[in-house]
Amino acid sequence: MASAKRVPIRVSANAPIFDLPILVALDQGLFLNAGLDVSYVTHGHSGPAAPPDLVTAQRFEALEADVYNLDAWSGVERMGREGRTARITALRPAIVAQAILSFDDTLYNPHDLGGVEIGVALKRASHYATVQLVSASLDCAEIAIRHVGGPDERLAALESGRIRAATLMEPHLSLALKQGAHLVAMTFYRGADVMASELTDDEVDAYYDAINDAVNIINAEFDRYRHLVTAPVAARLAPDELGQQFVRYTHAETYEEATARRVFPWMQAWESTLDRARH
């Protein structure tokens, strides 16, 4: 149900692979049609310097944005920490691949990764996905994870040979494959939207009406929006080189508490491994 008045809502920018429905909804005027005044915040954050993959949440904590999205693992972790009052409102529309890649001809499946450092971003989706991918094949002591930084840093370290394997998502995944890397393991995951608690249920419903309409447009005309996804690596990857098999979009879904109850024990069980990422 659309709100009767235009409500100003500031969305903290994340990677375009995740934010594509937001960008399309803005471009097509879908938020305005839903009675909302939505802006996309790509600047700001008045707090201490932070890696790019953390800035989206820090804008929210600094009261510079009212909505942000992140991987569901980090969303569950956030619920246990103090900060701005918020709620996880939905599973975001983007269903994205995280893949372990390598240029090393001796690394072809998770069993080959015992003792091999895998480049990730500490306590972010690449980190959680990596542990999930290799934990069925390796003992805990064999899992070697290394904090390298954001996707640009991980791909650069992989290309230079400083690390033998790294976990990447789009558009860096397609770019790595273009450069000659191969897949070692892959999983799909879905993130979560976090909203300020002061937003009403009607405002939240209106927001997702617009987002879901945008998803319908994306699924009908994905080629029209490929360039937005490849923007972070536009100089090295053309829009038509983006592998659509590594991302899909569906309507946002209610985030059930039962989901968190399943995720949190897994995170606790692997806490020592998740903490064991050398810089």
Foldseek 3Di string as FASTA:
>chain_A
DADPAAAEFEAEDDACLQCVLVVLLVVVVLLVVSRYRYDYDDDDQPDDDDAPRCVRVSCVQVVNGFKYKFAALVVLVVVVDDTAAKDFFWFGFKWFKKFKKFLDPQFAALLSQFQFEEEDAAPGPQLVVLCVRNVVRDPLNRHHYAYQGDLVRRLVCRVVVVGGIYIDIPPSVLLSVVVPMDTHTMDIGIMTMMGHPPDDPNSVVSVLVSSQVSLVVCVVCVLVCLCSRCVVVVVRAPSVSGDPVRMHGHRIGGDDVVVSVVSVVVCVVCVVSSPNHHD
